[in-house]
Amino acid sequence: MGTVIYALCAIASIVCFGLLFRSAVASKQRLIFWTAFCFFLLSIQNIILFIDLTVISQTDLSIWRTSAGFVGCSGLLFALLWESR
C-alpha cells in the first residue's frame, strides 16, 4: 500500500510542476516560475523517496531527498521575499 501512495504523490507533484511550468511560460511571471521550480524539486524528492523505500532499500537516500525538498522550499521562500518588494 505504501508503494502506491509514494507513486501517487510523485505523479501528483509532477503534474503540478507541469501545469505550473506551462502557466509560467504563458504568463512570463517570475513567481509562477519559482513555484514551478519548487514543485520540480519536490517531484525529485518524491521520486527519490519512492526509490529509497521500494527499489533500493539497502541504501539510505534521506540526505538527497531532504536536500531536494530544502532547496525547493528555500527557492520558493526566496522568490516570495524577492517579489514582495
C-alpha atoms as a PDB file:
ATOM      1  CA  MET A   1       0.000   0.000   0.000  1.00  0.00           C
ATOM      2  CA  GLY A   2       2.861   2.370   0.786  1.00  0.00           C
ATOM      3  CA  THR A   3       4.323   1.873  -2.691  1.00  0.00           C
ATOM      4  CA  VAL A   4       1.093   3.035  -4.318  1.00  0.00           C
ATOM      5  CA  ILE A   5       0.925   6.121  -2.118  1.00  0.00           C
ATOM      6  CA  TYR A   6       4.568   7.065  -2.839  1.00  0.00           C
ATOM      7  CA  ALA A   7       3.960   6.670  -6.566  1.00  0.00           C
ATOM      8  CA  LEU A   8       0.747   8.725  -6.469  1.00  0.00           C
ATOM      9  CA  CYS A   9       2.491  11.521  -4.553  1.00  0.00           C
ATOM     10  CA  ALA A  10       5.275  11.588  -7.134  1.00  0.00           C
ATOM     11  CA  ILE A  11       2.779  11.652 -10.003  1.00  0.00           C
ATOM     12  CA  ALA A  12       0.752  14.436  -8.379  1.00  0.00           C
ATOM     13  CA  SER A  13       3.801  16.628  -7.841  1.00  0.00           C
ATOM     14  CA  ILE A  14       4.981  16.014 -11.423  1.00  0.00           C
ATOM     15  CA  VAL A  15       1.549  17.038 -12.739  1.00  0.00           C
ATOM     16  CA  CYS A  16       1.596  20.182 -10.563  1.00  0.00           C
ATOM     17  CA  PHE A  17       5.058  21.031 -11.876  1.00  0.00           C
ATOM     18  CA  GLY A  18       3.925  20.573 -15.465  1.00  0.00           C
ATOM     19  CA  LEU A  19       0.854  22.762 -15.047  1.00  0.00           C
ATOM     20  CA  LEU A  20       2.789  25.469 -13.215  1.00  0.00           C
ATOM     21  CA  PHE A  21       5.610  25.450 -15.762  1.00  0.00           C
ATOM     22  CA  ARG A  22       3.142  25.742 -18.639  1.00  0.00           C
ATOM     23  CA  SER A  23       1.497  28.667 -16.873  1.00  0.00           C
ATOM     24  CA  ALA A  24       4.866  30.298 -16.185  1.00  0.00           C
ATOM     25  CA  VAL A  25       5.831  30.095 -19.853  1.00  0.00           C
ATOM     26  CA  ALA A  26       2.483  31.519 -20.947  1.00  0.00           C
ATOM     27  CA  SER A  27       2.324  34.368 -18.434  1.00  0.00           C
ATOM     28  CA  LYS A  28       6.051  35.147 -18.035  1.00  0.00           C
ATOM     29  CA  GLN A  29       5.612  35.757 -14.302  1.00  0.00           C
ATOM     30  CA  ARG A  30       8.613  35.007 -12.133  1.00  0.00           C
ATOM     31  CA  LEU A  31       6.679  33.911  -9.058  1.00  0.00           C
ATOM     32  CA  ILE A  32       4.919  31.177 -11.010  1.00  0.00           C
ATOM     33  CA  PHE A  33       8.303  30.089 -12.374  1.00  0.00           C
ATOM     34  CA  TRP A  34       9.752  29.832  -8.860  1.00  0.00           C
ATOM     35  CA  THR A  35       6.709  27.877  -7.718  1.00  0.00           C
ATOM     36  CA  ALA A  36       7.204  25.500 -10.650  1.00  0.00           C
ATOM     37  CA  PHE A  37      10.873  25.183  -9.666  1.00  0.00           C
ATOM     38  CA  CYS A  38       9.816  24.298  -6.115  1.00  0.00           C
ATOM     39  CA  PHE A  39       7.400  21.642  -7.369  1.00  0.00           C
ATOM     40  CA  PHE A  40      10.086  20.266  -9.677  1.00  0.00           C
ATOM     41  CA  LEU A  41      12.382  19.694  -6.710  1.00  0.00           C
ATOM     42  CA  LEU A  42       9.512  18.316  -4.634  1.00  0.00           C
ATOM     43  CA  SER A  43       8.892  15.891  -7.504  1.00  0.00           C
ATOM     44  CA  ILE A  44      12.538  14.883  -7.358  1.00  0.00           C
ATOM     45  CA  GLN A  45      12.171  14.434  -3.597  1.00  0.00           C
ATOM     46  CA  ASN A  46       9.153  12.158  -4.075  1.00  0.00           C
ATOM     47  CA  ILE A  47      10.903  10.126  -6.760  1.00  0.00           C
ATOM     48  CA  ILE A  48      13.942   9.672  -4.515  1.00  0.00           C
ATOM     49  CA  LEU A  49      11.607   8.651  -1.667  1.00  0.00           C
ATOM     50  CA  PHE A  50       9.973   6.048  -3.909  1.00  0.00           C
ATOM     51  CA  ILE A  51      13.374   4.705  -4.989  1.00  0.00           C
ATOM     52  CA  ASP A  52      14.745   4.776  -1.454  1.00  0.00           C
ATOM     53  CA  LEU A  53      11.891   2.903   0.191  1.00  0.00           C
ATOM     54  CA  THR A  54      10.852   0.481  -2.541  1.00  0.00           C
ATOM     55  CA  VAL A  55      13.621  -0.130  -5.080  1.00  0.00           C
ATOM     56  CA  ILE A  56      16.909   0.024  -3.178  1.00  0.00           C
ATOM     57  CA  SER A  57      16.034  -0.216   0.468  1.00  0.00           C
ATOM     58  CA  GLN A  58      19.609  -1.129   1.452  1.00  0.00           C
ATOM     59  CA  THR A  59      20.937   2.374   0.730  1.00  0.00           C
ATOM     60  CA  ASP A  60      19.902   5.425   2.751  1.00  0.00           C
ATOM     61  CA  LEU A  61      18.991   8.299   0.421  1.00  0.00           C
ATOM     62  CA  SER A  62      17.440  10.508   3.089  1.00  0.00           C
ATOM     63  CA  ILE A  63      20.142  13.188   2.729  1.00  0.00           C
ATOM     64  CA  TRP A  64      19.431  13.542  -1.004  1.00  0.00           C
ATOM     65  CA  ARG A  65      15.662  13.691  -0.684  1.00  0.00           C
ATOM     66  CA  THR A  66      15.795  16.116   2.234  1.00  0.00           C
ATOM     67  CA  SER A  67      18.226  18.318   0.312  1.00  0.00           C
ATOM     68  CA  ALA A  68      15.928  18.436  -2.705  1.00  0.00           C
ATOM     69  CA  GLY A  69      12.976  19.497  -0.570  1.00  0.00           C
ATOM     70  CA  PHE A  70      15.039  22.054   1.317  1.00  0.00           C
ATOM     71  CA  VAL A  71      16.407  23.666  -1.834  1.00  0.00           C
ATOM     72  CA  GLY A  72      12.959  23.752  -3.427  1.00  0.00           C
ATOM     73  CA  CYS A  73      11.268  25.353  -0.445  1.00  0.00           C
ATOM     74  CA  SER A  74      14.190  27.752   0.033  1.00  0.00           C
ATOM     75  CA  GLY A  75      13.905  28.838  -3.586  1.00  0.00           C
ATOM     76  CA  LEU A  76      10.193  29.472  -3.167  1.00  0.00           C
ATOM     77  CA  LEU A  77      10.812  31.428   0.042  1.00  0.00           C
ATOM     78  CA  PHE A  78      13.467  33.495  -1.746  1.00  0.00           C
ATOM     79  CA  ALA A  79      11.029  34.220  -4.581  1.00  0.00           C
ATOM     80  CA  LEU A  80       8.256  35.233  -2.187  1.00  0.00           C
ATOM     81  CA  LEU A  81      10.574  37.630  -0.383  1.00  0.00           C
ATOM     82  CA  TRP A  82      12.054  38.978  -3.626  1.00  0.00           C
ATOM     83  CA  GLU A  83       8.672  39.587  -5.280  1.00  0.00           C
ATOM     84  CA  SER A  84       7.197  41.290  -2.208  1.00  0.00           C
ATOM     85  CA  ARG A  85       9.354  44.375  -2.739  1.00  0.00           C
END
